[in-house]
PDB file of N, CA and C in Angstrom:
ATOM      1  N   UNK A   1      43.574  31.608 -55.640  1.00  0.00           N
ATOM      2  CA  UNK A   1      43.510  30.185 -55.036  1.00  0.00           C
ATOM      3  C   UNK A   1      44.514  29.248 -55.194  1.00  0.00           C
ATOM      4  N   UNK A   2      44.895  28.486 -54.320  1.00  0.00           N
ATOM      5  CA  UNK A   2      46.127  27.644 -54.590  1.00  0.00           C
ATOM      6  C   UNK A   2      46.111  26.743 -55.479  1.00  0.00           C
ATOM      7  N   UNK A   3      47.015  26.568 -56.396  1.00  0.00           N
ATOM      8  CA  UNK A   3      47.202  25.759 -57.241  1.00  0.00           C
ATOM      9  C   UNK A   3      47.585  24.474 -56.995  1.00  0.00           C
ATOM     10  N   UNK A   4      47.070  23.418 -57.752  1.00  0.00           N
ATOM     11  CA  UNK A   4      47.390  22.102 -57.466  1.00  0.00           C
ATOM     12  C   UNK A   4      47.253  21.254 -58.829  1.00  0.00           C
ATOM     13  N   UNK A   5      48.072  20.324 -58.781  1.00  0.00           N
ATOM     14  CA  UNK A   5      47.917  19.560 -60.182  1.00  0.00           C
ATOM     15  C   UNK A   5      46.901  19.254 -61.262  1.00  0.00           C
ATOM     16  N   UNK A   6      45.734  18.961 -60.301  1.00  0.00           N
ATOM     17  CA  UNK A   6      44.394  18.671 -60.720  1.00  0.00           C
ATOM     18  C   UNK A   6      43.847  19.848 -61.450  1.00  0.00           C
ATOM     19  N   UNK A   7      44.008  21.118 -60.559  1.00  0.00           N
ATOM     20  CA  UNK A   7      43.277  22.339 -61.005  1.00  0.00           C
ATOM     21  C   UNK A   7      44.316  22.733 -62.592  1.00  0.00           C
ATOM     22  N   UNK A   8      45.496  22.626 -62.642  1.00  0.00           N
ATOM     23  CA  UNK A   8      46.429  22.641 -63.664  1.00  0.00           C
ATOM     24  C   UNK A   8      45.489  21.837 -64.773  1.00  0.00           C
ATOM     25  N   UNK A   9      45.709  20.723 -64.587  1.00  0.00           N
ATOM     26  CA  UNK A   9      45.068  19.377 -65.584  1.00  0.00           C
ATOM     27  C   UNK A   9      44.048  20.275 -66.276  1.00  0.00           C
ATOM     28  N   UNK A  10      42.723  20.381 -65.601  1.00  0.00           N
ATOM     29  CA  UNK A  10      41.624  21.234 -66.037  1.00  0.00           C
ATOM     30  C   UNK A  10      42.203  22.311 -66.555  1.00  0.00           C
ATOM     31  N   UNK A  11      42.569  23.338 -66.164  1.00  0.00           N
ATOM     32  CA  UNK A  11      43.188  24.884 -67.329  1.00  0.00           C
ATOM     33  C   UNK A  11      44.088  24.581 -68.366  1.00  0.00           C
ATOM     34  N   UNK A  12      44.909  23.119 -68.318  1.00  0.00           N
ATOM     35  CA  UNK A  12      45.446  22.588 -69.518  1.00  0.00           C
ATOM     36  C   UNK A  12      44.359  22.151 -70.309  1.00  0.00           C
ATOM     37  N   UNK A  13      43.335  21.352 -70.060  1.00  0.00           N
ATOM     38  CA  UNK A  13      42.084  20.770 -70.979  1.00  0.00           C
ATOM     39  C   UNK A  13      41.600  21.790 -71.668  1.00  0.00           C
ATOM     40  N   UNK A  14      41.515  23.163 -70.702  1.00  0.00           N
ATOM     41  CA  UNK A  14      40.642  24.581 -71.171  1.00  0.00           C
ATOM     42  C   UNK A  14      41.431  25.214 -72.226  1.00  0.00           C
ATOM     43  N   UNK A  15      42.618  24.975 -72.138  1.00  0.00           N
ATOM     44  CA  UNK A  15      43.671  25.709 -73.073  1.00  0.00           C
ATOM     45  C   UNK A  15      43.375  25.159 -74.260  1.00  0.00           C
ATOM     46  N   UNK A  16      43.719  23.424 -74.099  1.00  0.00           N
ATOM     47  CA  UNK A  16      43.770  22.648 -75.251  1.00  0.00           C
ATOM     48  C   UNK A  16      42.456  22.584 -76.556  1.00  0.00           C
ATOM     49  N   UNK A  17      41.416  23.501 -75.967  1.00  0.00           N
ATOM     50  CA  UNK A  17      39.980  23.371 -76.498  1.00  0.00           C
ATOM     51  C   UNK A  17      39.907  25.128 -76.901  1.00  0.00           C
ATOM     52  N   UNK A  18      41.095  25.543 -76.700  1.00  0.00           N
ATOM     53  CA  UNK A  18      41.211  27.208 -76.838  1.00  0.00           C
ATOM     54  C   UNK A  18      39.853  28.319 -76.501  1.00  0.00           C
ATOM     55  N   UNK A  19      39.564  27.581 -75.056  1.00  0.00           N
ATOM     56  CA  UNK A  19      38.248  27.946 -74.690  1.00  0.00           C
ATOM     57  C   UNK A  19      38.584  29.186 -73.635  1.00  0.00           C
ATOM     58  N   UNK A  20      39.508  29.446 -73.702  1.00  0.00           N
ATOM     59  CA  UNK A  20      40.038  30.381 -72.052  1.00  0.00           C
ATOM     60  C   UNK A  20      39.556  31.993 -72.359  1.00  0.00           C
ATOM     61  N   UNK A  21      39.787  32.549 -73.549  1.00  0.00           N
ATOM     62  CA  UNK A  21      38.886  33.716 -73.745  1.00  0.00           C
ATOM     63  C   UNK A  21      37.615  33.760 -73.630  1.00  0.00           C
ATOM     64  N   UNK A  22      37.112  32.774 -74.272  1.00  0.00           N
ATOM     65  CA  UNK A  22      35.402  32.758 -74.255  1.00  0.00           C
ATOM     66  C   UNK A  22      35.147  32.457 -72.923  1.00  0.00           C
ATOM     67  N   UNK A  23      35.425  31.489 -71.842  1.00  0.00           N
ATOM     68  CA  UNK A  23      35.240  31.507 -70.611  1.00  0.00           C
ATOM     69  C   UNK A  23      35.580  32.802 -69.918  1.00  0.00           C
ATOM     70  N   UNK A  24      36.702  33.452 -70.251  1.00  0.00           N
ATOM     71  CA  UNK A  24      36.744  34.596 -69.804  1.00  0.00           C
ATOM     72  C   UNK A  24      35.464  35.626 -69.853  1.00  0.00           C
ATOM     73  N   UNK A  25      35.101  35.846 -71.016  1.00  0.00           N
ATOM     74  CA  UNK A  25      34.010  36.380 -71.552  1.00  0.00           C
ATOM     75  C   UNK A  25      32.959  36.033 -70.558  1.00  0.00           C
ATOM     76  N   UNK A  26      32.681  35.126 -70.641  1.00  0.00           N
ATOM     77  CA  UNK A  26      31.353  34.381 -70.446  1.00  0.00           C
ATOM     78  C   UNK A  26      31.121  34.718 -68.505  1.00  0.00           C
ATOM     79  N   UNK A  27      32.545  34.843 -67.787  1.00  0.00           N
ATOM     80  CA  UNK A  27      32.655  35.197 -66.276  1.00  0.00           C
ATOM     81  C   UNK A  27      31.626  36.539 -65.912  1.00  0.00           C
ATOM     82  N   UNK A  28      32.460  37.575 -67.241  1.00  0.00           N
ATOM     83  CA  UNK A  28      31.683  38.952 -66.996  1.00  0.00           C
ATOM     84  C   UNK A  28      30.833  39.016 -67.380  1.00  0.00           C
ATOM     85  N   UNK A  29      29.770  38.413 -67.822  1.00  0.00           N
ATOM     86  CA  UNK A  29      28.174  38.597 -68.144  1.00  0.00           C
ATOM     87  C   UNK A  29      27.449  38.273 -66.866  1.00  0.00           C
ATOM     88  N   UNK A  30      26.334  39.539 -66.775  1.00  0.00           N
ATOM     89  CA  UNK A  30      25.721  39.410 -65.605  1.00  0.00           C
ATOM     90  C   UNK A  30      25.181  38.200 -65.724  1.00  0.00           C
ATOM     91  N   UNK A  31      24.765  37.272 -64.194  1.00  0.00           N
ATOM     92  CA  UNK A  31      23.987  36.349 -64.084  1.00  0.00           C
ATOM     93  C   UNK A  31      22.145  36.256 -63.903  1.00  0.00           C
ATOM     94  N   UNK A  32      21.963  37.144 -63.980  1.00  0.00           N
ATOM     95  CA  UNK A  32      20.125  36.835 -63.578  1.00  0.00           C
ATOM     96  C   UNK A  32      19.287  36.568 -64.429  1.00  0.00           C
ATOM     97  N   UNK A  33      17.983  35.822 -64.076  1.00  0.00           N
ATOM     98  CA  UNK A  33      17.502  35.063 -64.727  1.00  0.00           C
ATOM     99  C   UNK A  33      16.981  36.071 -66.375  1.00  0.00           C
ATOM    100  N   UNK A  34      16.917  35.288 -67.385  1.00  0.00           N
ATOM    101  CA  UNK A  34      16.544  35.947 -68.815  1.00  0.00           C
ATOM    102  C   UNK A  34      17.554  36.554 -69.457  1.00  0.00           C
ATOM    103  N   UNK A  35      18.804  36.172 -68.492  1.00  0.00           N
ATOM    104  CA  UNK A  35      19.562  36.624 -69.877  1.00  0.00           C
ATOM    105  C   UNK A  35      20.260  35.689 -70.987  1.00  0.00           C
ATOM    106  N   UNK A  36      19.584  35.756 -71.797  1.00  0.00           N
ATOM    107  CA  UNK A  36      19.531  35.181 -73.219  1.00  0.00           C
ATOM    108  C   UNK A  36      20.851  35.069 -73.767  1.00  0.00           C
ATOM    109  N   UNK A  37      22.061  35.906 -73.579  1.00  0.00           N
ATOM    110  CA  UNK A  37      23.402  35.382 -74.037  1.00  0.00           C
ATOM    111  C   UNK A  37      23.774  34.536 -73.111  1.00  0.00           C
ATOM    112  N   UNK A  38      23.584  34.772 -71.746  1.00  0.00           N
ATOM    113  CA  UNK A  38      24.361  33.609 -71.232  1.00  0.00           C
ATOM    114  C   UNK A  38      23.616  32.487 -71.282  1.00  0.00           C
ATOM    115  N   UNK A  39      22.088  32.023 -71.425  1.00  0.00           N
ATOM    116  CA  UNK A  39      21.807  30.934 -71.706  1.00  0.00           C
ATOM    117  C   UNK A  39      22.059  30.327 -73.337  1.00  0.00           C
ATOM    118  N   UNK A  40      22.202  31.225 -73.840  1.00  0.00           N
ATOM    119  CA  UNK A  40      22.423  30.541 -75.217  1.00  0.00           C
ATOM    120  C   UNK A  40      23.579  30.055 -75.358  1.00  0.00           C
ATOM    121  N   UNK A  41      24.969  30.664 -74.595  1.00  0.00           N
ATOM    122  CA  UNK A  41      26.300  30.029 -74.715  1.00  0.00           C
ATOM    123  C   UNK A  41      26.397  28.907 -74.102  1.00  0.00           C
ATOM    124  N   UNK A  42      25.148  28.734 -72.808  1.00  0.00           N
ATOM    125  CA  UNK A  42      25.566  27.809 -71.996  1.00  0.00           C
ATOM    126  C   UNK A  42      24.819  26.383 -72.684  1.00  0.00           C
ATOM    127  N   UNK A  43      24.096  26.433 -73.479  1.00  0.00           N
ATOM    128  CA  UNK A  43      23.259  25.542 -74.050  1.00  0.00           C
ATOM    129  C   UNK A  43      23.645  25.222 -75.281  1.00  0.00           C
ATOM    130  N   UNK A  44      24.797  25.636 -75.866  1.00  0.00           N
ATOM    131  CA  UNK A  44      25.693  25.493 -77.063  1.00  0.00           C
ATOM    132  C   UNK A  44      26.293  24.053 -77.100  1.00  0.00           C
ATOM    133  N   UNK A  45      26.125  22.874 -77.991  1.00  0.00           N
ATOM    134  CA  UNK A  45      26.429  21.837 -77.906  1.00  0.00           C
ATOM    135  C   UNK A  45      28.277  21.803 -77.645  1.00  0.00           C
ATOM    136  N   UNK A  46      28.921  23.107 -78.075  1.00  0.00           N
ATOM    137  CA  UNK A  46      30.579  23.101 -77.547  1.00  0.00           C
ATOM    138  C   UNK A  46      30.093  22.873 -76.027  1.00  0.00           C
ATOM    139  N   UNK A  47      29.638  23.718 -75.614  1.00  0.00           N
ATOM    140  CA  UNK A  47      29.855  23.993 -73.874  1.00  0.00           C
ATOM    141  C   UNK A  47      29.429  22.895 -72.997  1.00  0.00           C
ATOM    142  N   UNK A  48      28.319  21.809 -73.770  1.00  0.00           N
ATOM    143  CA  UNK A  48      28.251  20.554 -73.244  1.00  0.00           C
ATOM    144  C   UNK A  48      29.320  19.646 -73.615  1.00  0.00           C
ATOM    145  N   UNK A  49      29.995  19.628 -74.538  1.00  0.00           N
ATOM    146  CA  UNK A  49      31.216  18.405 -74.498  1.00  0.00           C
ATOM    147  C   UNK A  49      32.389  19.263 -73.827  1.00  0.00           C
ATOM    148  N   UNK A  50      32.073  20.407 -73.148  1.00  0.00           N
ATOM    149  CA  UNK A  50      33.307  20.546 -72.583  1.00  0.00           C
ATOM    150  C   UNK A  50      33.465  20.301 -71.486  1.00  0.00           C
ATOM    151  N   UNK A  51      32.031  20.473 -70.701  1.00  0.00           N
ATOM    152  CA  UNK A  51      31.594  20.463 -69.480  1.00  0.00           C
ATOM    153  C   UNK A  51      31.707  18.758 -69.471  1.00  0.00           C
ATOM    154  N   UNK A  52      31.279  17.604 -70.390  1.00  0.00           N
ATOM    155  CA  UNK A  52      31.446  16.754 -69.938  1.00  0.00           C
ATOM    156  C   UNK A  52      33.085  16.170 -70.033  1.00  0.00           C
ATOM    157  N   UNK A  53      34.026  16.454 -70.606  1.00  0.00           N
ATOM    158  CA  UNK A  53      35.316  16.752 -70.670  1.00  0.00           C
ATOM    159  C   UNK A  53      36.001  17.184 -69.433  1.00  0.00           C
ATOM    160  N   UNK A  54      35.296  18.305 -68.805  1.00  0.00           N
ATOM    161  CA  UNK A  54      36.074  18.794 -67.189  1.00  0.00           C
ATOM    162  C   UNK A  54      35.109  18.054 -66.130  1.00  0.00           C
ATOM    163  N   UNK A  55      34.427  17.228 -66.676  1.00  0.00           N
ATOM    164  CA  UNK A  55      33.560  16.783 -65.399  1.00  0.00           C
ATOM    165  C   UNK A  55      34.273  15.015 -65.098  1.00  0.00           C
ATOM    166  N   UNK A  56      35.296  14.782 -66.319  1.00  0.00           N
ATOM    167  CA  UNK A  56      35.736  13.283 -66.386  1.00  0.00           C
ATOM    168  C   UNK A  56      37.077  13.505 -65.486  1.00  0.00           C
ATOM    169  N   UNK A  57      37.794  14.805 -65.261  1.00  0.00           N
ATOM    170  CA  UNK A  57      39.061  15.184 -64.503  1.00  0.00           C
ATOM    171  C   UNK A  57      38.909  14.764 -63.112  1.00  0.00           C
ATOM    172  N   UNK A  58      37.723  15.303 -62.437  1.00  0.00           N
ATOM    173  CA  UNK A  58      38.114  14.932 -61.103  1.00  0.00           C
ATOM    174  C   UNK A  58      37.998  13.151 -60.832  1.00  0.00           C
ATOM    175  N   UNK A  59      37.294  12.533 -61.516  1.00  0.00           N
ATOM    176  CA  UNK A  59      37.077  10.786 -61.505  1.00  0.00           C
ATOM    177  C   UNK A  59      38.249  10.573 -62.159  1.00  0.00           C
ATOM    178  N   UNK A  60      39.131  11.149 -62.711  1.00  0.00           N
ATOM    179  CA  UNK A  60      40.194  10.518 -62.738  1.00  0.00           C
ATOM    180  C   UNK A  60      41.290  10.673 -61.278  1.00  0.00           C
ATOM    181  N   UNK A  61      41.246  11.617 -61.486  1.00  0.00           N
ATOM    182  CA  UNK A  61      41.660  12.142 -60.018  1.00  0.00           C
ATOM    183  C   UNK A  61      41.172  13.345 -59.040  1.00  0.00           C
ATOM    184  N   UNK A  62      40.385  12.396 -58.066  1.00  0.00           N
ATOM    185  CA  UNK A  62      39.457  12.761 -57.395  1.00  0.00           C
ATOM    186  C   UNK A  62      39.971  14.174 -56.277  1.00  0.00           C
ATOM    187  N   UNK A  63      41.112  13.753 -56.338  1.00  0.00           N
ATOM    188  CA  UNK A  63      42.171  14.989 -54.903  1.00  0.00           C
ATOM    189  C   UNK A  63      42.149  16.201 -56.161  1.00  0.00           C
ATOM    190  N   UNK A  64      41.396  16.728 -56.646  1.00  0.00           N
ATOM    191  CA  UNK A  64      41.529  17.914 -57.472  1.00  0.00           C
ATOM    192  C   UNK A  64      41.738  19.206 -56.288  1.00  0.00           C
ATOM    193  N   UNK A  65      41.008  19.427 -55.579  1.00  0.00           N
ATOM    194  CA  UNK A  65      41.114  20.457 -54.145  1.00  0.00           C
ATOM    195  C   UNK A  65      42.410  20.030 -53.219  1.00  0.00           C
ATOM    196  N   UNK A  66      43.549  19.359 -53.364  1.00  0.00           N
ATOM    197  CA  UNK A  66      44.420  18.957 -52.116  1.00  0.00           C
ATOM    198  C   UNK A  66      45.601  19.380 -52.730  1.00  0.00           C
ATOM    199  N   UNK A  67      46.446  20.522 -52.372  1.00  0.00           N
ATOM    200  CA  UNK A  67      47.960  20.999 -52.237  1.00  0.00           C
ATOM    201  C   UNK A  67      48.857  19.518 -52.142  1.00  0.00           C
ATOM    202  N   UNK A  68      49.826  19.760 -53.433  1.00  0.00           N
ATOM    203  CA  UNK A  68      50.639  18.633 -53.195  1.00  0.00           C
ATOM    204  C   UNK A  68      51.645  18.638 -51.656  1.00  0.00           C
ATOM    205  N   UNK A  69      51.864  17.542 -50.687  1.00  0.00           N
ATOM    206  CA  UNK A  69      51.950  16.936 -49.644  1.00  0.00           C
ATOM    207  C   UNK A  69      51.727  17.845 -48.561  1.00  0.00           C
ATOM    208  N   UNK A  70      50.196  17.806 -48.974  1.00  0.00           N
ATOM    209  CA  UNK A  70      49.195  18.292 -47.688  1.00  0.00           C
ATOM    210  C   UNK A  70      48.217  17.261 -47.790  1.00  0.00           C
ATOM    211  N   UNK A  71      48.189  16.914 -46.063  1.00  0.00           N
ATOM    212  CA  UNK A  71      47.048  15.853 -46.208  1.00  0.00           C
ATOM    213  C   UNK A  71      45.943  16.379 -45.517  1.00  0.00           C
ATOM    214  N   UNK A  72      46.107  17.455 -45.587  1.00  0.00           N
ATOM    215  CA  UNK A  72      44.591  18.208 -44.731  1.00  0.00           C
ATOM    216  C   UNK A  72      43.757  18.059 -45.972  1.00  0.00           C
ATOM    217  N   UNK A  73      43.556  17.850 -47.315  1.00  0.00           N
ATOM    218  CA  UNK A  73      42.798  17.487 -48.439  1.00  0.00           C
ATOM    219  C   UNK A  73      42.231  19.090 -48.529  1.00  0.00           C
ATOM    220  N   UNK A  74      40.875  19.187 -48.995  1.00  0.00           N
ATOM    221  CA  UNK A  74      40.059  20.127 -49.458  1.00  0.00           C
ATOM    222  C   UNK A  74      40.097  21.116 -48.423  1.00  0.00           C
ATOM    223  N   UNK A  75      39.860  20.644 -46.887  1.00  0.00           N
ATOM    224  CA  UNK A  75      40.340  21.899 -45.787  1.00  0.00           C
ATOM    225  C   UNK A  75      41.382  22.735 -45.687  1.00  0.00           C
ATOM    226  N   UNK A  76      42.514  21.925 -45.916  1.00  0.00           N
ATOM    227  CA  UNK A  76      43.931  22.748 -46.491  1.00  0.00           C
ATOM    228  C   UNK A  76      43.627  23.237 -47.469  1.00  0.00           C
ATOM    229  N   UNK A  77      43.202  22.874 -48.595  1.00  0.00           N
ATOM    230  CA  UNK A  77      43.343  23.896 -50.143  1.00  0.00           C
ATOM    231  C   UNK A  77      42.603  25.422 -49.506  1.00  0.00           C
ATOM    232  N   UNK A  78      41.159  24.994 -48.615  1.00  0.00           N
ATOM    233  CA  UNK A  78      40.390  26.181 -48.659  1.00  0.00           C
ATOM    234  C   UNK A  78      40.971  26.926 -47.746  1.00  0.00           C
ATOM    235  N   UNK A  79      41.714  26.489 -46.395  1.00  0.00           N
ATOM    236  CA  UNK A  79      41.950  27.426 -45.460  1.00  0.00           C
ATOM    237  C   UNK A  79      43.356  28.097 -45.972  1.00  0.00           C
ATOM    238  N   UNK A  80      43.775  27.502 -47.201  1.00  0.00           N
ATOM    239  CA  UNK A  80      45.159  28.690 -47.660  1.00  0.00           C
ATOM    240  C   UNK A  80      44.814  29.424 -48.525  1.00  0.00           C
ATOM    241  N   UNK A  81      43.121  29.140 -49.265  1.00  0.00           N
ATOM    242  CA  UNK A  81      42.949  30.072 -50.271  1.00  0.00           C
ATOM    243  C   UNK A  81      42.111  31.136 -49.208  1.00  0.00           C
ATOM    244  N   UNK A  82      41.476  31.131 -48.224  1.00  0.00           N
ATOM    245  CA  UNK A  82      41.126  32.092 -47.058  1.00  0.00           C
ATOM    246  C   UNK A  82      42.427  33.053 -46.660  1.00  0.00           C
ATOM    247  N   UNK A  83      43.075  31.995 -46.429  1.00  0.00           N
ATOM    248  CA  UNK A  83      44.308  33.123 -45.655  1.00  0.00           C
ATOM    249  C   UNK A  83      44.940  34.362 -46.617  1.00  0.00           C
ATOM    250  N   UNK A  84      45.052  33.665 -48.235  1.00  0.00           N
ATOM    251  CA  UNK A  84      45.446  34.233 -49.158  1.00  0.00           C
ATOM    252  C   UNK A  84      44.706  35.494 -49.552  1.00  0.00           C
ATOM    253  N   UNK A  85      43.394  35.177 -49.343  1.00  0.00           N
ATOM    254  CA  UNK A  85      42.512  36.283 -49.425  1.00  0.00           C
ATOM    255  C   UNK A  85      42.544  37.505 -48.298  1.00  0.00           C
ATOM    256  N   UNK A  86      42.744  37.174 -47.136  1.00  0.00           N
ATOM    257  CA  UNK A  86      42.862  37.856 -46.252  1.00  0.00           C
ATOM    258  C   UNK A  86      43.979  38.733 -45.768  1.00  0.00           C
ATOM    259  N   UNK A  87      45.287  38.057 -46.530  1.00  0.00           N
ATOM    260  CA  UNK A  87      46.612  38.593 -46.772  1.00  0.00           C
ATOM    261  C   UNK A  87      46.304  39.948 -48.122  1.00  0.00           C
ATOM    262  N   UNK A  88      45.618  39.563 -49.011  1.00  0.00           N
ATOM    263  CA  UNK A  88      45.823  40.667 -50.062  1.00  0.00           C
ATOM    264  C   UNK A  88      44.721  41.421 -49.502  1.00  0.00           C
ATOM    265  N   UNK A  89      43.512  41.485 -49.067  1.00  0.00           N
ATOM    266  CA  UNK A  89      42.707  42.328 -48.460  1.00  0.00           C
ATOM    267  C   UNK A  89      43.306  43.267 -47.603  1.00  0.00           C
ATOM    268  N   UNK A  90      44.009  42.839 -46.250  1.00  0.00           N
ATOM    269  CA  UNK A  90      44.859  43.872 -45.604  1.00  0.00           C
ATOM    270  C   UNK A  90      45.805  44.671 -46.520  1.00  0.00           C
ATOM    271  N   UNK A  91      46.439  43.842 -47.252  1.00  0.00           N
ATOM    272  CA  UNK A  91      47.557  44.547 -48.324  1.00  0.00           C
ATOM    273  C   UNK A  91      46.833  45.828 -48.688  1.00  0.00           C
ATOM    274  N   UNK A  92      45.285  45.370 -49.166  1.00  0.00           N
ATOM    275  CA  UNK A  92      45.122  46.085 -50.050  1.00  0.00           C
ATOM    276  C   UNK A  92      44.168  47.192 -49.258  1.00  0.00           C
ATOM    277  N   UNK A  93      44.180  47.247 -48.037  1.00  0.00           N
ATOM    278  CA  UNK A  93      43.334  48.215 -47.023  1.00  0.00           C
ATOM    279  C   UNK A  93      45.160  49.312 -46.835  1.00  0.00           C
ATOM    280  N   UNK A  94      45.735  48.603 -46.352  1.00  0.00           N
ATOM    281  CA  UNK A  94      47.312  49.490 -46.017  1.00  0.00           C
ATOM    282  C   UNK A  94      47.603  49.779 -47.446  1.00  0.00           C
ATOM    283  N   UNK A  95      47.606  49.872 -48.397  1.00  0.00           N
ATOM    284  CA  UNK A  95      47.640  50.578 -49.953  1.00  0.00           C
ATOM    285  C   UNK A  95      47.265  51.513 -49.877  1.00  0.00           C
ATOM    286  N   UNK A  96      45.910  51.309 -49.744  1.00  0.00           N
ATOM    287  CA  UNK A  96      44.361  52.961 -49.622  1.00  0.00           C
ATOM    288  C   UNK A  96      44.661  53.586 -48.287  1.00  0.00           C
ATOM    289  N   UNK A  97      45.728  53.003 -47.700  1.00  0.00           N
ATOM    290  CA  UNK A  97      45.314  53.892 -46.078  1.00  0.00           C
ATOM    291  C   UNK A  97      43.709  53.521 -45.396  1.00  0.00           C
ATOM    292  N   UNK A  98      43.118  52.790 -45.632  1.00  0.00           N
ATOM    293  CA  UNK A  98      42.379  52.259 -44.992  1.00  0.00           C
ATOM    294  C   UNK A  98      42.866  51.077 -43.648  1.00  0.00           C
ATOM    295  N   UNK A  99      41.654  50.996 -42.838  1.00  0.00           N
ATOM    296  CA  UNK A  99      42.163  49.950 -42.021  1.00  0.00           C
ATOM    297  C   UNK A  99      40.872  48.547 -41.963  1.00  0.00           C
ATOM    298  N   UNK A 100      41.360  47.404 -41.337  1.00  0.00           N
ATOM    299  CA  UNK A 100      40.787  46.551 -41.213  1.00  0.00           C
ATOM    300  C   UNK A 100      40.076  46.098 -40.121  1.00  0.00           C
ATOM    301  N   UNK A 101      38.542  45.959 -39.774  1.00  0.00           N
ATOM    302  CA  UNK A 101      38.578  45.785 -38.754  1.00  0.00           C
ATOM    303  C   UNK A 101      37.085  45.409 -38.935  1.00  0.00           C
TER     304      UNK A 101
END
């Protein structure tokens, strides 16, 4: 994913709360319905407060998915992201001797 000042501000907020390791753990949890651990963690008041704080960021800077000095906005951000993913997939295929197609 391309980096933007808005995303950097979101990461800084997450880091200031000391939540990075915990959020990394939550991402690794399986998402099926009935996953009590995930549901409990999402209902925790701390997560509610973090969610509120993170939701304030886009209101302060609505161009969170805009690459600096690129006037294409979110569309340019997504194109940059998809180009990077395609390049990485092609490189991985070459590294393993596979072919893309």
